[in-house]
PDB file of N, CA and C in Angstrom:
ATOM      1  N   MET A   1      42.778 -86.598-170.774  1.00  0.00           N
ATOM      2  CA  MET A   1      43.177 -86.271-169.540  1.00  0.00           C
ATOM      3  C   MET A   1      44.603 -85.909-170.538  1.00  0.00           C
ATOM      4  N   LYS A   2      44.543 -84.554-169.797  1.00  0.00           N
ATOM      5  CA  LYS A   2      46.409 -83.824-169.803  1.00  0.00           C
ATOM      6  C   LYS A   2      47.109 -84.345-169.020  1.00  0.00           C
ATOM      7  N   LYS A   3      48.358 -83.956-169.194  1.00  0.00           N
ATOM      8  CA  LYS A   3      49.803 -84.525-168.757  1.00  0.00           C
ATOM      9  C   LYS A   3      50.317 -83.101-168.517  1.00  0.00           C
ATOM     10  N   TYR A   4      50.961 -83.014-167.332  1.00  0.00           N
ATOM     11  CA  TYR A   4      52.341 -81.584-167.228  1.00  0.00           C
ATOM     12  C   TYR A   4      52.924 -82.137-166.499  1.00  0.00           C
ATOM     13  N   PRO A   5      54.271 -81.481-166.928  1.00  0.00           N
ATOM     14  CA  PRO A   5      55.496 -81.567-166.369  1.00  0.00           C
ATOM     15  C   PRO A   5      55.516 -81.150-165.276  1.00  0.00           C
ATOM     16  N   THR A   6      55.221 -80.488-164.856  1.00  0.00           N
ATOM     17  CA  THR A   6      55.817 -79.450-163.716  1.00  0.00           C
ATOM     18  C   THR A   6      54.361 -79.567-162.980  1.00  0.00           C
ATOM     19  N   LEU A   7      54.326 -79.504-161.425  1.00  0.00           N
ATOM     20  CA  LEU A   7      53.389 -79.063-160.436  1.00  0.00           C
ATOM     21  C   LEU A   7      52.973 -77.805-161.180  1.00  0.00           C
ATOM     22  N   PHE A   8      53.665 -76.825-161.189  1.00  0.00           N
ATOM     23  CA  PHE A   8      52.985 -75.420-161.124  1.00  0.00           C
ATOM     24  C   PHE A   8      51.839 -75.650-162.786  1.00  0.00           C
ATOM     25  N   GLU A   9      52.078 -76.591-163.371  1.00  0.00           N
ATOM     26  CA  GLU A   9      51.412 -76.659-164.877  1.00  0.00           C
ATOM     27  C   GLU A   9      50.236 -77.056-164.090  1.00  0.00           C
ATOM     28  N   ALA A  10      50.226 -78.311-163.508  1.00  0.00           N
ATOM     29  CA  ALA A  10      49.366 -78.715-163.014  1.00  0.00           C
ATOM     30  C   ALA A  10      48.083 -77.715-161.943  1.00  0.00           C
ATOM     31  N   VAL A  11      48.836 -77.075-161.664  1.00  0.00           N
ATOM     32  CA  VAL A  11      48.202 -76.209-160.473  1.00  0.00           C
ATOM     33  C   VAL A  11      47.722 -75.234-161.255  1.00  0.00           C
ATOM     34  N   LYS A  12      47.886 -74.824-161.961  1.00  0.00           N
ATOM     35  CA  LYS A  12      47.512 -73.350-163.184  1.00  0.00           C
ATOM     36  C   LYS A  12      46.021 -74.241-163.230  1.00  0.00           C
ATOM     37  N   ASP A  13      45.664 -75.437-163.650  1.00  0.00           N
ATOM     38  CA  ASP A  13      44.744 -75.796-164.397  1.00  0.00           C
ATOM     39  C   ASP A  13      43.832 -76.132-162.786  1.00  0.00           C
ATOM     40  N   ALA A  14      44.112 -76.655-161.974  1.00  0.00           N
ATOM     41  CA  ALA A  14      43.594 -76.756-160.635  1.00  0.00           C
ATOM     42  C   ALA A  14      42.702 -75.799-159.924  1.00  0.00           C
ATOM     43  N   ILE A  15      43.218 -75.037-160.216  1.00  0.00           N
ATOM     44  CA  ILE A  15      42.684 -73.784-159.082  1.00  0.00           C
ATOM     45  C   ILE A  15      40.833 -73.210-159.674  1.00  0.00           C
ATOM     46  N   ASN A  16      40.869 -73.350-161.091  1.00  0.00           N
ATOM     47  CA  ASN A  16      39.819 -73.155-161.909  1.00  0.00           C
ATOM     48  C   ASN A  16      38.524 -74.174-161.179  1.00  0.00           C
ATOM     49  N   LEU A  17      39.046 -75.271-160.469  1.00  0.00           N
ATOM     50  CA  LEU A  17      37.979 -76.715-160.390  1.00  0.00           C
ATOM     51  C   LEU A  17      37.916 -76.488-158.861  1.00  0.00           C
ATOM     52  N   CYS A  18      39.051 -75.918-157.936  1.00  0.00           N
ATOM     53  CA  CYS A  18      38.714 -76.068-156.859  1.00  0.00           C
ATOM     54  C   CYS A  18      39.304 -74.747-156.008  1.00  0.00           C
ATOM     55  N   ASP A  19      39.056 -74.811-154.887  1.00  0.00           N
ATOM     56  CA  ASP A  19      39.539 -73.597-154.400  1.00  0.00           C
ATOM     57  C   ASP A  19      40.953 -73.876-153.016  1.00  0.00           C
ATOM     58  N   SER A  20      40.601 -74.949-152.398  1.00  0.00           N
ATOM     59  CA  SER A  20      41.755 -75.394-151.466  1.00  0.00           C
ATOM     60  C   SER A  20      41.623 -76.717-151.902  1.00  0.00           C
ATOM     61  N   TRP A  21      42.785 -77.377-151.053  1.00  0.00           N
ATOM     62  CA  TRP A  21      43.626 -78.646-151.546  1.00  0.00           C
ATOM     63  C   TRP A  21      44.168 -79.405-149.986  1.00  0.00           C
ATOM     64  N   ARG A  22      44.180 -80.270-149.705  1.00  0.00           N
ATOM     65  CA  ARG A  22      44.841 -81.114-148.284  1.00  0.00           C
ATOM     66  C   ARG A  22      46.135 -81.782-148.994  1.00  0.00           C
ATOM     67  N   PHE A  23      47.500 -81.719-148.514  1.00  0.00           N
ATOM     68  CA  PHE A  23      48.233 -82.511-148.540  1.00  0.00           C
ATOM     69  C   PHE A  23      47.970 -83.916-148.217  1.00  0.00           C
ATOM     70  N   MET A  24      48.213 -85.115-149.099  1.00  0.00           N
ATOM     71  CA  MET A  24      47.377 -86.199-148.800  1.00  0.00           C
ATOM     72  C   MET A  24      48.061 -86.401-147.278  1.00  0.00           C
ATOM     73  N   TYR A  25      49.213 -86.254-147.478  1.00  0.00           N
ATOM     74  CA  TYR A  25      50.514 -87.021-146.254  1.00  0.00           C
ATOM     75  C   TYR A  25      50.768 -86.049-145.501  1.00  0.00           C
ATOM     76  N   ALA A  26      49.786 -85.237-144.845  1.00  0.00           N
ATOM     77  CA  ALA A  26      50.107 -84.147-143.669  1.00  0.00           C
ATOM     78  C   ALA A  26      48.562 -83.231-143.428  1.00  0.00           C
ATOM     79  N   ASP A  27      48.295 -82.457-142.743  1.00  0.00           N
ATOM     80  CA  ASP A  27      47.285 -81.351-142.597  1.00  0.00           C
ATOM     81  C   ASP A  27      47.448 -80.183-142.923  1.00  0.00           C
ATOM     82  N   GLU A  28      48.161 -80.008-144.167  1.00  0.00           N
ATOM     83  CA  GLU A  28      48.482 -78.946-144.097  1.00  0.00           C
ATOM     84  C   GLU A  28      47.386 -78.768-145.662  1.00  0.00           C
ATOM     85  N   ILE A  29      46.974 -77.639-145.266  1.00  0.00           N
ATOM     86  CA  ILE A  29      45.945 -77.108-146.292  1.00  0.00           C
ATOM     87  C   ILE A  29      46.511 -75.688-147.588  1.00  0.00           C
ATOM     88  N   TYR A  30      46.238 -76.110-148.507  1.00  0.00           N
ATOM     89  CA  TYR A  30      46.794 -75.179-149.660  1.00  0.00           C
ATOM     90  C   TYR A  30      45.117 -74.293-149.965  1.00  0.00           C
ATOM     91  N   TYR A  31      45.868 -72.935-150.179  1.00  0.00           N
ATOM     92  CA  TYR A  31      44.449 -72.189-151.184  1.00  0.00           C
ATOM     93  C   TYR A  31      44.987 -71.429-152.334  1.00  0.00           C
ATOM     94  N   LYS A  32      43.989 -71.747-153.200  1.00  0.00           N
ATOM     95  CA  LYS A  32      44.117 -71.509-154.574  1.00  0.00           C
ATOM     96  C   LYS A  32      45.295 -69.940-154.522  1.00  0.00           C
ATOM     97  N   ASP A  33      45.206 -68.986-153.985  1.00  0.00           N
ATOM     98  CA  ASP A  33      45.389 -67.787-153.580  1.00  0.00           C
ATOM     99  C   ASP A  33      46.972 -67.277-153.874  1.00  0.00           C
ATOM    100  N   ASN A  34      47.598 -68.815-152.953  1.00  0.00           N
ATOM    101  CA  ASN A  34      49.073 -68.859-152.860  1.00  0.00           C
ATOM    102  C   ASN A  34      49.763 -70.406-153.666  1.00  0.00           C
ATOM    103  N   PHE A  35      49.080 -71.189-154.086  1.00  0.00           N
ATOM    104  CA  PHE A  35      49.223 -72.218-154.249  1.00  0.00           C
ATOM    105  C   PHE A  35      50.234 -72.505-155.329  1.00  0.00           C
ATOM    106  N   LEU A  36      49.759 -71.570-156.286  1.00  0.00           N
ATOM    107  CA  LEU A  36      50.741 -71.158-157.817  1.00  0.00           C
ATOM    108  C   LEU A  36      52.559 -71.333-157.324  1.00  0.00           C
ATOM    109  N   GLY A  37      52.764 -69.825-156.459  1.00  0.00           N
ATOM    110  CA  GLY A  37      53.595 -69.881-155.575  1.00  0.00           C
ATOM    111  C   GLY A  37      54.305 -71.183-154.629  1.00  0.00           C
ATOM    112  N   ILE A  38      53.763 -72.001-154.365  1.00  0.00           N
ATOM    113  CA  ILE A  38      54.388 -73.106-153.424  1.00  0.00           C
ATOM    114  C   ILE A  38      54.484 -74.088-154.733  1.00  0.00           C
ATOM    115  N   ALA A  39      53.688 -74.285-155.492  1.00  0.00           N
ATOM    116  CA  ALA A  39      54.118 -75.121-156.490  1.00  0.00           C
ATOM    117  C   ALA A  39      55.454 -74.819-157.361  1.00  0.00           C
ATOM    118  N   GLN A  40      55.741 -73.562-157.612  1.00  0.00           N
ATOM    119  CA  GLN A  40      56.759 -72.846-157.990  1.00  0.00           C
ATOM    120  C   GLN A  40      57.958 -73.153-157.949  1.00  0.00           C
ATOM    121  N   VAL A  41      57.879 -72.655-156.228  1.00  0.00           N
ATOM    122  CA  VAL A  41      58.997 -73.012-155.392  1.00  0.00           C
ATOM    123  C   VAL A  41      59.659 -74.485-155.476  1.00  0.00           C
ATOM    124  N   TYR A  42      58.796 -75.672-155.116  1.00  0.00           N
ATOM    125  CA  TYR A  42      59.009 -77.106-155.492  1.00  0.00           C
ATOM    126  C   TYR A  42      59.116 -77.552-156.195  1.00  0.00           C
ATOM    127  N   ASP A  43      58.749 -76.766-157.801  1.00  0.00           N
ATOM    128  CA  ASP A  43      59.679 -77.268-158.957  1.00  0.00           C
ATOM    129  C   ASP A  43      60.619 -76.902-159.133  1.00  0.00           C
ATOM    130  N   GLU A  44      61.386 -76.157-158.519  1.00  0.00           N
ATOM    131  CA  GLU A  44      62.632 -75.713-158.605  1.00  0.00           C
ATOM    132  C   GLU A  44      63.523 -76.276-158.205  1.00  0.00           C
ATOM    133  N   ASP A  45      62.801 -77.009-156.680  1.00  0.00           N
ATOM    134  CA  ASP A  45      63.841 -78.135-155.985  1.00  0.00           C
ATOM    135  C   ASP A  45      63.807 -79.037-156.050  1.00  0.00           C
ATOM    136  N   SER A  46      62.655 -79.682-157.079  1.00  0.00           N
ATOM    137  CA  SER A  46      62.131 -81.073-157.638  1.00  0.00           C
ATOM    138  C   SER A  46      62.827 -81.423-159.034  1.00  0.00           C
ATOM    139  N   MET A  47      63.404 -82.752-159.116  1.00  0.00           N
ATOM    140  CA  MET A  47      63.965 -82.945-160.221  1.00  0.00           C
ATOM    141  C   MET A  47      63.185 -84.157-160.933  1.00  0.00           C
ATOM    142  N   ALA A  48      62.190 -84.229-161.365  1.00  0.00           N
ATOM    143  CA  ALA A  48      61.315 -85.161-162.205  1.00  0.00           C
ATOM    144  C   ALA A  48      61.831 -85.643-163.299  1.00  0.00           C
ATOM    145  N   ASP A  49      61.875 -86.781-163.698  1.00  0.00           N
ATOM    146  CA  ASP A  49      62.330 -87.542-164.981  1.00  0.00           C
ATOM    147  C   ASP A  49      61.619 -87.129-166.135  1.00  0.00           C
ATOM    148  N   GLU A  50      62.136 -87.653-167.137  1.00  0.00           N
ATOM    149  CA  GLU A  50      61.226 -87.624-168.369  1.00  0.00           C
ATOM    150  C   GLU A  50      59.787 -88.554-168.673  1.00  0.00           C
ATOM    151  N   ASP A  51      59.992 -89.291-168.248  1.00  0.00           N
ATOM    152  CA  ASP A  51      58.444 -90.495-167.829  1.00  0.00           C
ATOM    153  C   ASP A  51      57.662 -90.045-166.609  1.00  0.00           C
ATOM    154  N   SER A  52      57.912 -88.758-165.828  1.00  0.00           N
ATOM    155  CA  SER A  52      56.998 -88.453-164.789  1.00  0.00           C
ATOM    156  C   SER A  52      56.308 -87.094-165.414  1.00  0.00           C
ATOM    157  N   PHE A  53      55.308 -87.009-164.595  1.00  0.00           N
ATOM    158  CA  PHE A  53      54.075 -86.131-165.037  1.00  0.00           C
ATOM    159  C   PHE A  53      52.899 -85.951-163.431  1.00  0.00           C
ATOM    160  N   TYR A  54      52.293 -84.804-163.741  1.00  0.00           N
ATOM    161  CA  TYR A  54      51.144 -84.369-162.772  1.00  0.00           C
ATOM    162  C   TYR A  54      49.938 -84.469-163.833  1.00  0.00           C
ATOM    163  N   ILE A  55      48.706 -84.983-163.116  1.00  0.00           N
ATOM    164  CA  ILE A  55      47.474 -84.888-163.653  1.00  0.00           C
ATOM    165  C   ILE A  55      46.964 -84.571-162.287  1.00  0.00           C
ATOM    166  N   VAL A  56      45.659 -83.930-163.482  1.00  0.00           N
ATOM    167  CA  VAL A  56      44.895 -82.923-162.453  1.00  0.00           C
ATOM    168  C   VAL A  56      43.366 -83.942-162.636  1.00  0.00           C
ATOM    169  N   ALA A  57      42.725 -84.465-161.856  1.00  0.00           N
ATOM    170  CA  ALA A  57      41.070 -85.076-162.053  1.00  0.00           C
ATOM    171  C   ALA A  57      40.369 -83.943-162.068  1.00  0.00           C
ATOM    172  N   PRO A  58      39.118 -84.098-162.340  1.00  0.00           N
ATOM    173  CA  PRO A  58      38.216 -83.525-162.784  1.00  0.00           C
ATOM    174  C   PRO A  58      37.623 -82.470-161.438  1.00  0.00           C
ATOM    175  N   SER A  59      38.004 -83.257-160.846  1.00  0.00           N
ATOM    176  CA  SER A  59      37.259 -82.598-159.239  1.00  0.00           C
ATOM    177  C   SER A  59      38.319 -81.113-158.761  1.00  0.00           C
ATOM    178  N   GLY A  60      39.581 -81.418-159.509  1.00  0.00           N
ATOM    179  CA  GLY A  60      40.506 -80.830-159.011  1.00  0.00           C
ATOM    180  C   GLY A  60      41.514 -81.580-158.489  1.00  0.00           C
ATOM    181  N   ALA A  61      41.592 -82.272-157.678  1.00  0.00           N
ATOM    182  CA  ALA A  61      42.562 -83.169-156.864  1.00  0.00           C
ATOM    183  C   ALA A  61      44.036 -82.966-158.358  1.00  0.00           C
ATOM    184  N   ILE A  62      45.005 -83.340-157.414  1.00  0.00           N
ATOM    185  CA  ILE A  62      46.152 -83.497-158.118  1.00  0.00           C
ATOM    186  C   ILE A  62      47.321 -84.736-157.920  1.00  0.00           C
ATOM    187  N   GLY A  63      47.622 -85.646-159.032  1.00  0.00           N
ATOM    188  CA  GLY A  63      48.416 -86.156-158.762  1.00  0.00           C
ATOM    189  C   GLY A  63      49.578 -86.818-159.641  1.00  0.00           C
ATOM    190  N   PHE A  64      50.253 -87.685-159.379  1.00  0.00           N
ATOM    191  CA  PHE A  64      51.383 -87.647-159.891  1.00  0.00           C
ATOM    192  C   PHE A  64      52.088 -89.068-160.265  1.00  0.00           C
ATOM    193  N   SER A  65      52.708 -89.205-161.514  1.00  0.00           N
ATOM    194  CA  SER A  65      52.715 -91.167-161.642  1.00  0.00           C
ATOM    195  C   SER A  65      54.406 -90.917-162.047  1.00  0.00           C
ATOM    196  N   GLU A  66      54.725 -91.540-161.764  1.00  0.00           N
ATOM    197  CA  GLU A  66      56.474 -91.864-162.452  1.00  0.00           C
ATOM    198  C   GLU A  66      57.041 -93.167-162.993  1.00  0.00           C
ATOM    199  N   ASP A  67      55.567 -93.720-163.335  1.00  0.00           N
ATOM    200  CA  ASP A  67      55.874 -94.646-164.515  1.00  0.00           C
ATOM    201  C   ASP A  67      54.535 -94.500-166.267  1.00  0.00           C
ATOM    202  N   GLU A  68      54.853 -93.387-166.405  1.00  0.00           N
ATOM    203  CA  GLU A  68      53.861 -93.408-167.454  1.00  0.00           C
ATOM    204  C   GLU A  68      52.525 -93.891-167.281  1.00  0.00           C
ATOM    205  N   GLY A  69      51.517 -93.652-166.092  1.00  0.00           N
ATOM    206  CA  GLY A  69      50.371 -93.711-165.592  1.00  0.00           C
ATOM    207  C   GLY A  69      49.862 -94.794-165.127  1.00  0.00           C
ATOM    208  N   GLU A  70      51.058 -96.165-165.235  1.00  0.00           N
ATOM    209  CA  GLU A  70      50.390 -97.128-164.756  1.00  0.00           C
ATOM    210  C   GLU A  70      50.224 -96.891-163.060  1.00  0.00           C
ATOM    211  N   THR A  71      50.464 -96.374-162.387  1.00  0.00           N
ATOM    212  CA  THR A  71      49.958 -95.642-161.282  1.00  0.00           C
ATOM    213  C   THR A  71      49.671 -94.282-161.044  1.00  0.00           C
ATOM    214  N   ILE A  72      49.464 -94.124-160.064  1.00  0.00           N
ATOM    215  CA  ILE A  72      48.946 -92.367-159.817  1.00  0.00           C
ATOM    216  C   ILE A  72      48.711 -92.385-158.423  1.00  0.00           C
ATOM    217  N   GLU A  73      49.817 -91.938-157.951  1.00  0.00           N
ATOM    218  CA  GLU A  73      50.064 -91.205-156.270  1.00  0.00           C
ATOM    219  C   GLU A  73      49.401 -90.316-156.402  1.00  0.00           C
ATOM    220  N   TRP A  74      48.191 -89.667-155.806  1.00  0.00           N
ATOM    221  CA  TRP A  74      47.386 -88.840-155.462  1.00  0.00           C
ATOM    222  C   TRP A  74      48.321 -87.496-154.101  1.00  0.00           C
ATOM    223  N   LEU A  75      48.506 -86.388-154.654  1.00  0.00           N
ATOM    224  CA  LEU A  75      49.708 -86.093-153.543  1.00  0.00           C
ATOM    225  C   LEU A  75      48.333 -84.858-153.169  1.00  0.00           C
ATOM    226  N   PHE A  76      47.686 -83.866-153.883  1.00  0.00           N
ATOM    227  CA  PHE A  76      46.607 -82.874-152.722  1.00  0.00           C
ATOM    228  C   PHE A  76      45.397 -83.345-153.586  1.00  0.00           C
ATOM    229  N   VAL A  77      44.129 -83.955-153.016  1.00  0.00           N
ATOM    230  CA  VAL A  77      42.752 -83.768-152.352  1.00  0.00           C
ATOM    231  C   VAL A  77      42.439 -82.389-151.933  1.00  0.00           C
ATOM    232  N   ARG A  78      40.775 -82.446-152.917  1.00  0.00           N
ATOM    233  CA  ARG A  78      40.188 -81.408-152.163  1.00  0.00           C
ATOM    234  C   ARG A  78      39.995 -81.119-150.719  1.00  0.00           C
ATOM    235  N   ALA A  79      40.190 -80.005-149.868  1.00  0.00           N
ATOM    236  CA  ALA A  79      39.936 -80.486-148.855  1.00  0.00           C
ATOM    237  C   ALA A  79      38.599 -80.304-148.596  1.00  0.00           C
ATOM    238  N   ASP A  80      37.807 -79.660-148.994  1.00  0.00           N
ATOM    239  CA  ASP A  80      36.404 -79.839-148.853  1.00  0.00           C
ATOM    240  C   ASP A  80      35.645 -81.452-149.056  1.00  0.00           C
ATOM    241  N   ASN A  81      36.646 -82.387-149.872  1.00  0.00           N
ATOM    242  CA  ASN A  81      35.993 -83.228-150.269  1.00  0.00           C
ATOM    243  C   ASN A  81      36.904 -84.317-149.892  1.00  0.00           C
ATOM    244  N   GLN A  82      38.076 -84.931-148.722  1.00  0.00           N
ATOM    245  CA  GLN A  82      39.180 -85.654-148.490  1.00  0.00           C
ATOM    246  C   GLN A  82      38.715 -87.206-148.900  1.00  0.00           C
ATOM    247  N   LYS A  83      37.586 -87.393-148.910  1.00  0.00           N
ATOM    248  CA  LYS A  83      36.816 -89.061-149.041  1.00  0.00           C
ATOM    249  C   LYS A  83      36.823 -89.541-150.540  1.00  0.00           C
ATOM    250  N   GLU A  84      37.073 -88.573-151.312  1.00  0.00           N
ATOM    251  CA  GLU A  84      37.063 -88.984-153.000  1.00  0.00           C
ATOM    252  C   GLU A  84      37.938 -89.957-153.427  1.00  0.00           C
ATOM    253  N   LYS A  85      37.004 -90.495-154.317  1.00  0.00           N
ATOM    254  CA  LYS A  85      37.474 -92.103-154.869  1.00  0.00           C
ATOM    255  C   LYS A  85      38.139 -91.782-156.024  1.00  0.00           C
ATOM    256  N   LEU A  86      39.451 -91.810-155.850  1.00  0.00           N
ATOM    257  CA  LEU A  86      40.178 -91.367-157.358  1.00  0.00           C
ATOM    258  C   LEU A  86      41.180 -92.825-157.654  1.00  0.00           C
ATOM    259  N   PRO A  87      41.164 -92.259-158.851  1.00  0.00           N
ATOM    260  CA  PRO A  87      41.731 -93.565-159.817  1.00  0.00           C
ATOM    261  C   PRO A  87      43.132 -94.117-158.969  1.00  0.00           C
ATOM    262  N   SER A  88      43.170 -95.022-159.628  1.00  0.00           N
ATOM    263  CA  SER A  88      44.730 -95.439-159.387  1.00  0.00           C
ATOM    264  C   SER A  88      45.496 -95.934-160.653  1.00  0.00           C
ATOM    265  N   SER A  89      44.882 -95.449-161.526  1.00  0.00           N
ATOM    266  CA  SER A  89      45.894 -95.536-162.564  1.00  0.00           C
ATOM    267  C   SER A  89      45.718 -94.892-163.951  1.00  0.00           C
ATOM    268  N   LEU A  90      46.023 -94.767-164.805  1.00  0.00           N
ATOM    269  CA  LEU A  90      45.623 -93.868-165.822  1.00  0.00           C
ATOM    270  C   LEU A  90      44.058 -94.234-166.766  1.00  0.00           C
ATOM    271  N   ALA A  91      44.789 -96.075-166.791  1.00  0.00           N
ATOM    272  CA  ALA A  91      43.566 -96.634-167.650  1.00  0.00           C
ATOM    273  C   ALA A  91      42.078 -96.506-166.632  1.00  0.00           C
ATOM    274  N   GLU A  92      42.660 -97.048-165.528  1.00  0.00           N
ATOM    275  CA  GLU A  92      41.081 -96.173-164.508  1.00  0.00           C
ATOM    276  C   GLU A  92      40.346 -95.013-164.361  1.00  0.00           C
ATOM    277  N   MET A  93      40.957 -94.063-164.917  1.00  0.00           N
ATOM    278  CA  MET A  93      40.786 -92.949-165.396  1.00  0.00           C
ATOM    279  C   MET A  93      40.375 -92.445-166.351  1.00  0.00           C
ATOM    280  N   GLU A  94      40.504 -93.060-167.474  1.00  0.00           N
ATOM    281  CA  GLU A  94      40.449 -92.819-168.506  1.00  0.00           C
ATOM    282  C   GLU A  94      38.695 -93.902-169.156  1.00  0.00           C
ATOM    283  N   GLY A  95      38.787 -94.782-168.161  1.00  0.00           N
ATOM    284  CA  GLY A  95      38.293 -95.914-168.368  1.00  0.00           C
ATOM    285  C   GLY A  95      36.944 -95.627-167.698  1.00  0.00           C
TER     286      GLY A  95
END
């Protein structure tokens, strides 16, 4: 499983796995044709620390960890599979 330092880098890989995502905490839908631009703007405004990273699930869902993978907060899930069961930690994802 690869770790990404920015949302932009995670989205670059996720767009090969999925066409659209829903933000977990709102009804917003993001499509692959404009998601990279949105991620780039987000990264310019965000200041993640050195222990934080993004991950991409095999389905294309995008998560974020602030504690070296002990917990994963899923930010963007597939728009066509919003009920997907996603792991809550790197150990669970890799195991």
